[in-house]
PDB file of all heavy atoms in Angstrom:
ATOM      1  N   ASN A   1      14.472  12.756 -10.634  1.00  0.00           N
ATOM      2  CA  ASN A   1      14.288  14.072 -10.014  1.00  0.00           C
ATOM      3  C   ASN A   1      14.254  14.025  -8.488  1.00  0.00           C
ATOM      4  O   ASN A   1      13.797  14.964  -7.849  1.00  0.00           O
ATOM      5  CB  ASN A   1      12.987  14.702 -10.535  1.00  0.00           C
ATOM      6  CG  ASN A   1      13.071  15.008 -12.016  1.00  0.00           C
ATOM      7  OD1 ASN A   1      13.960  15.714 -12.462  1.00  0.00           O
ATOM      8  ND2 ASN A   1      12.149  14.453 -12.790  1.00  0.00           N
ATOM      9  N   ARG A   2      14.729  12.923  -7.916  1.00  0.00           N
ATOM     10  CA  ARG A   2      14.742  12.805  -6.462  1.00  0.00           C
ATOM     11  C   ARG A   2      16.145  13.087  -5.924  1.00  0.00           C
ATOM     12  O   ARG A   2      17.130  12.638  -6.496  1.00  0.00           O
ATOM     13  CB  ARG A   2      14.286  11.401  -6.060  1.00  0.00           C
ATOM     14  CG  ARG A   2      14.029  11.260  -4.571  1.00  0.00           C
ATOM     15  CD  ARG A   2      13.422   9.900  -4.255  1.00  0.00           C
ATOM     16  NE  ARG A   2      14.374   8.828  -4.551  1.00  0.00           N
ATOM     17  CZ  ARG A   2      14.051   7.649  -5.055  1.00  0.00           C
ATOM     18  NH1 ARG A   2      12.800   7.387  -5.373  1.00  0.00           N
ATOM     19  NH2 ARG A   2      14.964   6.745  -5.275  1.00  0.00           N
ATOM     20  N   LEU A   3      16.210  13.794  -4.817  1.00  0.00           N
ATOM     21  CA  LEU A   3      17.508  14.083  -4.196  1.00  0.00           C
ATOM     22  C   LEU A   3      18.084  12.825  -3.561  1.00  0.00           C
ATOM     23  O   LEU A   3      17.349  11.972  -3.064  1.00  0.00           O
ATOM     24  CB  LEU A   3      17.343  15.144  -3.093  1.00  0.00           C
ATOM     25  CG  LEU A   3      16.870  16.544  -3.495  1.00  0.00           C
ATOM     26  CD1 LEU A   3      16.728  17.403  -2.253  1.00  0.00           C
ATOM     27  CD2 LEU A   3      17.814  17.199  -4.486  1.00  0.00           C
ATOM     28  N   SER A   4      19.409  12.738  -3.577  1.00  0.00           N
ATOM     29  CA  SER A   4      20.066  11.636  -2.876  1.00  0.00           C
ATOM     30  C   SER A   4      20.117  11.981  -1.383  1.00  0.00           C
ATOM     31  O   SER A   4      19.845  13.111  -0.992  1.00  0.00           O
ATOM     32  CB  SER A   4      21.493  11.454  -3.406  1.00  0.00           C
ATOM     33  OG  SER A   4      22.269  12.596  -3.072  1.00  0.00           O
ATOM     34  N   ARG A   5      20.464  11.004  -0.566  1.00  0.00           N
ATOM     35  CA  ARG A   5      20.543  11.266   0.887  1.00  0.00           C
ATOM     36  C   ARG A   5      21.544  12.370   1.195  1.00  0.00           C
ATOM     37  O   ARG A   5      21.324  13.205   2.069  1.00  0.00           O
ATOM     38  CB  ARG A   5      20.956   9.989   1.627  1.00  0.00           C
ATOM     39  CG  ARG A   5      19.804   9.046   1.855  1.00  0.00           C
ATOM     40  CD  ARG A   5      20.214   7.893   2.741  1.00  0.00           C
ATOM     41  NE  ARG A   5      19.123   6.955   2.933  1.00  0.00           N
ATOM     42  CZ  ARG A   5      19.217   5.838   3.618  1.00  0.00           C
ATOM     43  NH1 ARG A   5      20.368   5.517   4.184  1.00  0.00           N
ATOM     44  NH2 ARG A   5      18.187   5.036   3.759  1.00  0.00           N
ATOM     45  N   GLU A   6      22.673  12.341   0.473  1.00  0.00           N
ATOM     46  CA  GLU A   6      23.713  13.357   0.689  1.00  0.00           C
ATOM     47  C   GLU A   6      23.168  14.751   0.362  1.00  0.00           C
ATOM     48  O   GLU A   6      23.436  15.717   1.074  1.00  0.00           O
ATOM     49  CB  GLU A   6      24.944  13.071  -0.188  1.00  0.00           C
ATOM     50  CG  GLU A   6      25.726  11.825   0.200  1.00  0.00           C
ATOM     51  CD  GLU A   6      25.056  10.526  -0.256  1.00  0.00           C
ATOM     52  OE1 GLU A   6      24.169  10.595  -1.141  1.00  0.00           O
ATOM     53  OE2 GLU A   6      25.396   9.464   0.279  1.00  0.00           O
ATOM     54  N   GLU A   7      22.393  14.840  -0.736  1.00  0.00           N
ATOM     55  CA  GLU A   7      21.831  16.143  -1.128  1.00  0.00           C
ATOM     56  C   GLU A   7      20.776  16.613  -0.132  1.00  0.00           C
ATOM     57  O   GLU A   7      20.673  17.805   0.166  1.00  0.00           O
ATOM     58  CB  GLU A   7      21.214  16.042  -2.526  1.00  0.00           C
ATOM     59  CG  GLU A   7      22.258  15.902  -3.633  1.00  0.00           C
ATOM     60  CD  GLU A   7      21.640  15.582  -4.985  1.00  0.00           C
ATOM     61  OE1 GLU A   7      20.671  14.782  -5.038  1.00  0.00           O
ATOM     62  OE2 GLU A   7      22.110  16.138  -5.992  1.00  0.00           O
ATOM     63  N   MET A   8      20.001  15.667   0.401  1.00  0.00           N
ATOM     64  CA  MET A   8      18.968  16.033   1.382  1.00  0.00           C
ATOM     65  C   MET A   8      19.572  16.675   2.621  1.00  0.00           C
ATOM     66  O   MET A   8      18.972  17.579   3.219  1.00  0.00           O
ATOM     67  CB  MET A   8      18.175  14.785   1.805  1.00  0.00           C
ATOM     68  CG  MET A   8      17.163  14.311   0.777  1.00  0.00           C
ATOM     69  SD  MET A   8      16.218  12.902   1.424  1.00  0.00           S
ATOM     70  CE  MET A   8      15.538  12.241  -0.100  1.00  0.00           C
ATOM     71  N   GLU A   9      20.750  16.206   2.999  1.00  0.00           N
ATOM     72  CA  GLU A   9      21.390  16.724   4.211  1.00  0.00           C
ATOM     73  C   GLU A   9      21.724  18.214   4.094  1.00  0.00           C
ATOM     74  O   GLU A   9      21.892  18.900   5.097  1.00  0.00           O
ATOM     75  CB  GLU A   9      22.668  15.928   4.512  1.00  0.00           C
ATOM     76  CG  GLU A   9      22.373  14.519   5.023  1.00  0.00           C
ATOM     77  CD  GLU A   9      23.627  13.658   5.128  1.00  0.00           C
ATOM     78  OE1 GLU A   9      24.735  14.198   4.896  1.00  0.00           O
ATOM     79  OE2 GLU A   9      23.508  12.459   5.447  1.00  0.00           O
ATOM     80  N   LYS A  10      21.790  18.718   2.875  1.00  0.00           N
ATOM     81  CA  LYS A  10      22.107  20.135   2.658  1.00  0.00           C
ATOM     82  C   LYS A  10      20.895  21.036   2.889  1.00  0.00           C
ATOM     83  O   LYS A  10      21.018  22.250   2.981  1.00  0.00           O
ATOM     84  CB  LYS A  10      22.644  20.342   1.240  1.00  0.00           C
ATOM     85  CG  LYS A  10      23.958  19.618   0.967  1.00  0.00           C
ATOM     86  CD  LYS A  10      24.341  19.743  -0.493  1.00  0.00           C
ATOM     87  CE  LYS A  10      25.577  18.896  -0.821  1.00  0.00           C
ATOM     88  NZ  LYS A  10      25.890  18.919  -2.251  1.00  0.00           N
ATOM     89  N   TYR A  11      19.706  20.447   2.936  1.00  0.00           N
ATOM     90  CA  TYR A  11      18.479  21.229   3.113  1.00  0.00           C
ATOM     91  C   TYR A  11      18.014  21.181   4.566  1.00  0.00           C
ATOM     92  O   TYR A  11      17.927  20.114   5.175  1.00  0.00           O
ATOM     93  CB  TYR A  11      17.360  20.681   2.220  1.00  0.00           C
ATOM     94  CG  TYR A  11      17.554  20.955   0.747  1.00  0.00           C
ATOM     95  CD1 TYR A  11      18.375  20.126  -0.025  1.00  0.00           C
ATOM     96  CD2 TYR A  11      16.916  22.029   0.110  1.00  0.00           C
ATOM     97  CE1 TYR A  11      18.554  20.362  -1.384  1.00  0.00           C
ATOM     98  CE2 TYR A  11      17.084  22.271  -1.240  1.00  0.00           C
ATOM     99  CZ  TYR A  11      17.904  21.433  -1.986  1.00  0.00           C
ATOM    100  OH  TYR A  11      18.075  21.677  -3.327  1.00  0.00           O
ATOM    101  N   SER A  12      17.668  22.349   5.104  1.00  0.00           N
ATOM    102  CA  SER A  12      17.226  22.411   6.500  1.00  0.00           C
ATOM    103  C   SER A  12      15.898  21.687   6.716  1.00  0.00           C
ATOM    104  O   SER A  12      15.625  21.200   7.813  1.00  0.00           O
ATOM    105  CB  SER A  12      17.084  23.880   6.938  1.00  0.00           C
ATOM    106  OG  SER A  12      16.159  24.546   6.088  1.00  0.00           O
ATOM    107  N   VAL A  13      15.063  21.591   5.655  1.00  0.00           N
ATOM    108  CA  VAL A  13      13.754  20.930   5.810  1.00  0.00           C
ATOM    109  C   VAL A  13      13.889  19.432   6.111  1.00  0.00           C
ATOM    110  O   VAL A  13      12.959  18.815   6.620  1.00  0.00           O
ATOM    111  CB  VAL A  13      12.865  21.118   4.545  1.00  0.00           C
ATOM    112  CG1 VAL A  13      12.347  22.533   4.460  1.00  0.00           C
ATOM    113  CG2 VAL A  13      13.591  20.701   3.284  1.00  0.00           C
ATOM    114  N   PHE A  14      15.051  18.864   5.786  1.00  0.00           N
ATOM    115  CA  PHE A  14      15.255  17.437   6.050  1.00  0.00           C
ATOM    116  C   PHE A  14      16.025  17.194   7.357  1.00  0.00           C
ATOM    117  O   PHE A  14      16.317  16.060   7.704  1.00  0.00           O
ATOM    118  CB  PHE A  14      16.001  16.771   4.890  1.00  0.00           C
ATOM    119  CG  PHE A  14      15.186  16.678   3.630  1.00  0.00           C
ATOM    120  CD1 PHE A  14      15.408  17.546   2.578  1.00  0.00           C
ATOM    121  CD2 PHE A  14      14.179  15.722   3.496  1.00  0.00           C
ATOM    122  CE1 PHE A  14      14.653  17.477   1.415  1.00  0.00           C
ATOM    123  CE2 PHE A  14      13.422  15.639   2.344  1.00  0.00           C
ATOM    124  CZ  PHE A  14      13.650  16.522   1.298  1.00  0.00           C
ATOM    125  N   LYS A  15      16.326  18.286   8.068  1.00  0.00           N
ATOM    126  CA  LYS A  15      17.049  18.146   9.331  1.00  0.00           C
ATOM    127  C   LYS A  15      16.128  17.464  10.342  1.00  0.00           C
ATOM    128  O   LYS A  15      14.954  17.807  10.476  1.00  0.00           O
ATOM    129  CB  LYS A  15      17.457  19.542   9.850  1.00  0.00           C
ATOM    130  CG  LYS A  15      18.459  19.476  10.990  1.00  0.00           C
ATOM    131  CD  LYS A  15      18.868  20.875  11.417  1.00  0.00           C
ATOM    132  CE  LYS A  15      19.853  20.788  12.570  1.00  0.00           C
ATOM    133  NZ  LYS A  15      20.249  22.134  13.046  1.00  0.00           N
ATOM    134  N   ASN A  16      16.655  16.477  11.043  1.00  0.00           N
ATOM    135  CA  ASN A  16      15.881  15.693  12.025  1.00  0.00           C
ATOM    136  C   ASN A  16      14.658  15.023  11.387  1.00  0.00           C
ATOM    137  O   ASN A  16      13.614  14.869  12.028  1.00  0.00           O
ATOM    138  CB  ASN A  16      15.422  16.580  13.195  1.00  0.00           C
ATOM    139  CG  ASN A  16      16.602  17.259  13.880  1.00  0.00           C
ATOM    140  OD1 ASN A  16      17.668  16.674  14.038  1.00  0.00           O
ATOM    141  ND2 ASN A  16      16.415  18.508  14.286  1.00  0.00           N
ATOM    142  N   TYR A  17      14.793  14.652  10.138  1.00  0.00           N
ATOM    143  CA  TYR A  17      13.663  14.010   9.439  1.00  0.00           C
ATOM    144  C   TYR A  17      13.310  12.660  10.061  1.00  0.00           C
ATOM    145  O   TYR A  17      14.170  11.844  10.344  1.00  0.00           O
ATOM    146  CB  TYR A  17      14.013  13.801   7.964  1.00  0.00           C
ATOM    147  CG  TYR A  17      12.996  12.950   7.208  1.00  0.00           C
ATOM    148  CD1 TYR A  17      11.816  13.522   6.733  1.00  0.00           C
ATOM    149  CD2 TYR A  17      13.216  11.592   7.005  1.00  0.00           C
ATOM    150  CE1 TYR A  17      10.875  12.745   6.065  1.00  0.00           C
ATOM    151  CE2 TYR A  17      12.283  10.812   6.336  1.00  0.00           C
ATOM    152  CZ  TYR A  17      11.107  11.393   5.875  1.00  0.00           C
ATOM    153  OH  TYR A  17      10.180  10.625   5.215  1.00  0.00           O
ATOM    154  N   GLU A  18      12.025  12.467  10.305  1.00  0.00           N
ATOM    155  CA  GLU A  18      11.523  11.179  10.809  1.00  0.00           C
ATOM    156  C   GLU A  18      10.321  10.794   9.954  1.00  0.00           C
ATOM    157  O   GLU A  18       9.409  11.609   9.767  1.00  0.00           O
ATOM    158  CB  GLU A  18      11.078  11.313  12.275  1.00  0.00           C
ATOM    159  CG  GLU A  18      12.219  11.440  13.271  1.00  0.00           C
ATOM    160  CD  GLU A  18      13.019  10.158  13.437  1.00  0.00           C
ATOM    161  OE1 GLU A  18      12.474   9.083  13.143  1.00  0.00           O
ATOM    162  OE2 GLU A  18      14.196  10.236  13.847  1.00  0.00           O
ATOM    163  N   PRO A  19      10.290   9.565   9.411  1.00  0.00           N
ATOM    164  CA  PRO A  19       9.151   9.182   8.569  1.00  0.00           C
ATOM    165  C   PRO A  19       7.841   9.056   9.324  1.00  0.00           C
ATOM    166  O   PRO A  19       6.761   9.227   8.762  1.00  0.00           O
ATOM    167  CB  PRO A  19       9.578   7.828   7.990  1.00  0.00           C
ATOM    168  CG  PRO A  19      10.609   7.307   8.927  1.00  0.00           C
ATOM    169  CD  PRO A  19      11.303   8.508   9.495  1.00  0.00           C
ATOM    170  N   GLY A  20       7.907   8.779  10.646  1.00  0.00           N
ATOM    171  CA  GLY A  20       6.701   8.628  11.442  1.00  0.00           C
ATOM    172  C   GLY A  20       6.191   7.194  11.460  1.00  0.00           C
ATOM    173  O   GLY A  20       6.817   6.293  10.900  1.00  0.00           O
ATOM    174  N   ASP A  21       5.059   6.999  12.105  1.00  0.00           N
ATOM    175  CA  ASP A  21       4.478   5.652  12.226  1.00  0.00           C
ATOM    176  C   ASP A  21       3.680   5.310  10.972  1.00  0.00           C
ATOM    177  O   ASP A  21       2.812   6.094  10.550  1.00  0.00           O
ATOM    178  CB  ASP A  21       3.560   5.574  13.450  1.00  0.00           C
ATOM    179  CG  ASP A  21       4.334   5.810  14.745  1.00  0.00           C
ATOM    180  OD1 ASP A  21       5.498   5.353  14.817  1.00  0.00           O
ATOM    181  OD2 ASP A  21       3.792   6.460  15.660  1.00  0.00           O
ATOM    182  N   PRO A  22       3.950   4.147  10.366  1.00  0.00           N
ATOM    183  CA  PRO A  22       3.266   3.768   9.120  1.00  0.00           C
ATOM    184  C   PRO A  22       1.746   3.720   9.248  1.00  0.00           C
ATOM    185  O   PRO A  22       1.210   3.186  10.216  1.00  0.00           O
ATOM    186  CB  PRO A  22       3.823   2.363   8.830  1.00  0.00           C
ATOM    187  CG  PRO A  22       5.131   2.317   9.542  1.00  0.00           C
ATOM    188  CD  PRO A  22       4.935   3.138  10.778  1.00  0.00           C
ATOM    189  N   ASN A  23       1.068   4.339   8.311  1.00  0.00           N
ATOM    190  CA  ASN A  23      -0.387   4.235   8.165  1.00  0.00           C
ATOM    191  C   ASN A  23      -0.727   4.586   6.726  1.00  0.00           C
ATOM    192  O   ASN A  23       0.178   4.824   5.916  1.00  0.00           O
ATOM    193  CB  ASN A  23      -1.121   5.123   9.184  1.00  0.00           C
ATOM    194  CG  ASN A  23      -0.860   6.606   8.957  1.00  0.00           C
ATOM    195  OD1 ASN A  23      -1.502   7.233   8.124  1.00  0.00           O
ATOM    196  ND2 ASN A  23       0.103   7.171   9.697  1.00  0.00           N
ATOM    197  N   CYS A  24      -1.991   4.617   6.390  1.00  0.00           N
ATOM    198  CA  CYS A  24      -2.353   4.797   4.979  1.00  0.00           C
ATOM    199  C   CYS A  24      -2.458   6.256   4.546  1.00  0.00           C
ATOM    200  O   CYS A  24      -2.818   6.555   3.399  1.00  0.00           O
ATOM    201  CB  CYS A  24      -3.654   4.057   4.663  1.00  0.00           C
ATOM    202  SG  CYS A  24      -5.061   4.685   5.587  1.00  0.00           S
ATOM    203  N   ARG A  25      -2.135   7.177   5.443  1.00  0.00           N
ATOM    204  CA  ARG A  25      -2.139   8.608   5.067  1.00  0.00           C
ATOM    205  C   ARG A  25      -0.727   9.170   5.145  1.00  0.00           C
ATOM    206  O   ARG A  25       0.019   8.867   6.068  1.00  0.00           O
ATOM    207  CB  ARG A  25      -3.050   9.407   6.014  1.00  0.00           C
ATOM    208  CG  ARG A  25      -4.510   9.368   5.614  1.00  0.00           C
ATOM    209  CD  ARG A  25      -5.378   9.980   6.700  1.00  0.00           C
ATOM    210  NE  ARG A  25      -5.197  11.426   6.815  1.00  0.00           N
ATOM    211  CZ  ARG A  25      -5.752  12.309   5.996  1.00  0.00           C
ATOM    212  NH1 ARG A  25      -6.473  11.912   4.974  1.00  0.00           N
ATOM    213  NH2 ARG A  25      -5.572  13.602   6.170  1.00  0.00           N
ATOM    214  N   ILE A  26      -0.395   9.984   4.157  1.00  0.00           N
ATOM    215  CA  ILE A  26       0.928  10.624   4.184  1.00  0.00           C
ATOM    216  C   ILE A  26       0.773  12.142   4.230  1.00  0.00           C
ATOM    217  O   ILE A  26      -0.225  12.703   3.785  1.00  0.00           O
ATOM    218  CB  ILE A  26       1.812  10.212   2.978  1.00  0.00           C
ATOM    219  CG1 ILE A  26       1.116  10.493   1.651  1.00  0.00           C
ATOM    220  CG2 ILE A  26       2.236   8.768   3.085  1.00  0.00           C
ATOM    221  CD1 ILE A  26       1.988  10.216   0.442  1.00  0.00           C
ATOM    222  N   TYR A  27       1.781  12.755   4.804  1.00  0.00           N
ATOM    223  CA  TYR A  27       1.815  14.204   4.977  1.00  0.00           C
ATOM    224  C   TYR A  27       2.978  14.733   4.138  1.00  0.00           C
ATOM    225  O   TYR A  27       4.093  14.235   4.215  1.00  0.00           O
ATOM    226  CB  TYR A  27       2.014  14.518   6.464  1.00  0.00           C
ATOM    227  CG  TYR A  27       2.439  15.932   6.784  1.00  0.00           C
ATOM    228  CD1 TYR A  27       1.614  17.008   6.481  1.00  0.00           C
ATOM    229  CD2 TYR A  27       3.660  16.187   7.406  1.00  0.00           C
ATOM    230  CE1 TYR A  27       1.996  18.312   6.789  1.00  0.00           C
ATOM    231  CE2 TYR A  27       4.056  17.472   7.725  1.00  0.00           C
ATOM    232  CZ  TYR A  27       3.206  18.538   7.409  1.00  0.00           C
ATOM    233  OH  TYR A  27       3.592  19.809   7.707  1.00  0.00           O
ATOM    234  N   VAL A  28       2.695  15.728   3.307  1.00  0.00           N
ATOM    235  CA  VAL A  28       3.717  16.296   2.418  1.00  0.00           C
ATOM    236  C   VAL A  28       3.879  17.779   2.736  1.00  0.00           C
ATOM    237  O   VAL A  28       2.883  18.511   2.835  1.00  0.00           O
ATOM    238  CB  VAL A  28       3.320  16.132   0.929  1.00  0.00           C
ATOM    239  CG1 VAL A  28       4.448  16.606   0.016  1.00  0.00           C
ATOM    240  CG2 VAL A  28       2.985  14.680   0.622  1.00  0.00           C
ATOM    241  N   LYS A  29       5.113  18.210   2.908  1.00  0.00           N
ATOM    242  CA  LYS A  29       5.359  19.638   3.151  1.00  0.00           C
ATOM    243  C   LYS A  29       6.486  20.150   2.250  1.00  0.00           C
ATOM    244  O   LYS A  29       7.064  19.402   1.478  1.00  0.00           O
ATOM    245  CB  LYS A  29       5.678  19.884   4.624  1.00  0.00           C
ATOM    246  CG  LYS A  29       6.984  19.274   5.114  1.00  0.00           C
ATOM    247  CD  LYS A  29       7.188  19.607   6.586  1.00  0.00           C
ATOM    248  CE  LYS A  29       8.515  19.025   7.092  1.00  0.00           C
ATOM    249  NZ  LYS A  29       8.768  19.330   8.491  1.00  0.00           N
ATOM    250  N   ASN A  30       6.752  21.458   2.370  1.00  0.00           N
ATOM    251  CA  ASN A  30       7.746  22.152   1.540  1.00  0.00           C
ATOM    252  C   ASN A  30       7.331  22.164   0.063  1.00  0.00           C
ATOM    253  O   ASN A  30       8.153  22.054  -0.840  1.00  0.00           O
ATOM    254  CB  ASN A  30       9.135  21.517   1.687  1.00  0.00           C
ATOM    255  CG  ASN A  30      10.254  22.464   1.232  1.00  0.00           C
ATOM    256  OD1 ASN A  30      10.238  23.646   1.571  1.00  0.00           O
ATOM    257  ND2 ASN A  30      11.190  21.962   0.446  1.00  0.00           N
ATOM    258  N   LEU A  31       6.034  22.300  -0.165  1.00  0.00           N
ATOM    259  CA  LEU A  31       5.531  22.355  -1.541  1.00  0.00           C
ATOM    260  C   LEU A  31       5.626  23.780  -2.075  1.00  0.00           C
ATOM    261  O   LEU A  31       5.365  24.750  -1.362  1.00  0.00           O
ATOM    262  CB  LEU A  31       4.072  21.891  -1.590  1.00  0.00           C
ATOM    263  CG  LEU A  31       3.827  20.412  -1.263  1.00  0.00           C
ATOM    264  CD1 LEU A  31       2.336  20.150  -1.116  1.00  0.00           C
ATOM    265  CD2 LEU A  31       4.421  19.513  -2.344  1.00  0.00           C
ATOM    266  N   ALA A  32       5.981  23.905  -3.339  1.00  0.00           N
ATOM    267  CA  ALA A  32       6.063  25.211  -3.987  1.00  0.00           C
ATOM    268  C   ALA A  32       4.659  25.797  -4.142  1.00  0.00           C
ATOM    269  O   ALA A  32       3.662  25.064  -4.203  1.00  0.00           O
ATOM    270  CB  ALA A  32       6.728  25.069  -5.352  1.00  0.00           C
ATOM    271  N   LYS A  33       4.578  27.123  -4.224  1.00  0.00           N
ATOM    272  CA  LYS A  33       3.249  27.768  -4.289  1.00  0.00           C
ATOM    273  C   LYS A  33       2.506  27.441  -5.588  1.00  0.00           C
ATOM    274  O   LYS A  33       1.287  27.525  -5.653  1.00  0.00           O
ATOM    275  CB  LYS A  33       3.398  29.288  -4.128  1.00  0.00           C
ATOM    276  CG  LYS A  33       4.258  29.961  -5.188  1.00  0.00           C
ATOM    277  CD  LYS A  33       4.390  31.447  -4.909  1.00  0.00           C
ATOM    278  CE  LYS A  33       5.281  32.130  -5.947  1.00  0.00           C
ATOM    279  NZ  LYS A  33       5.441  33.578  -5.671  1.00  0.00           N
ATOM    280  N   GLN A  34       3.261  27.019  -6.637  1.00  0.00           N
ATOM    281  CA  GLN A  34       2.607  26.680  -7.916  1.00  0.00           C
ATOM    282  C   GLN A  34       1.932  25.309  -7.891  1.00  0.00           C
ATOM    283  O   GLN A  34       1.159  24.979  -8.778  1.00  0.00           O
ATOM    284  CB  GLN A  34       3.631  26.655  -9.069  1.00  0.00           C
ATOM    285  CG  GLN A  34       4.433  27.924  -9.224  1.00  0.00           C
ATOM    286  CD  GLN A  34       5.819  27.765  -8.610  1.00  0.00           C
ATOM    287  OE1 GLN A  34       5.930  27.446  -7.431  1.00  0.00           O
ATOM    288  NE2 GLN A  34       6.865  27.997  -9.393  1.00  0.00           N
TER     289      GLN A  34
END
């Protein structure tokens, strides 16, 4: 159920995506209201 890199490029939320500096906390966005 994971998008491929090619599919991600079609979504604006992945535009200029940067993973950030590694640490033990992660940030998740674009979550559905359910």
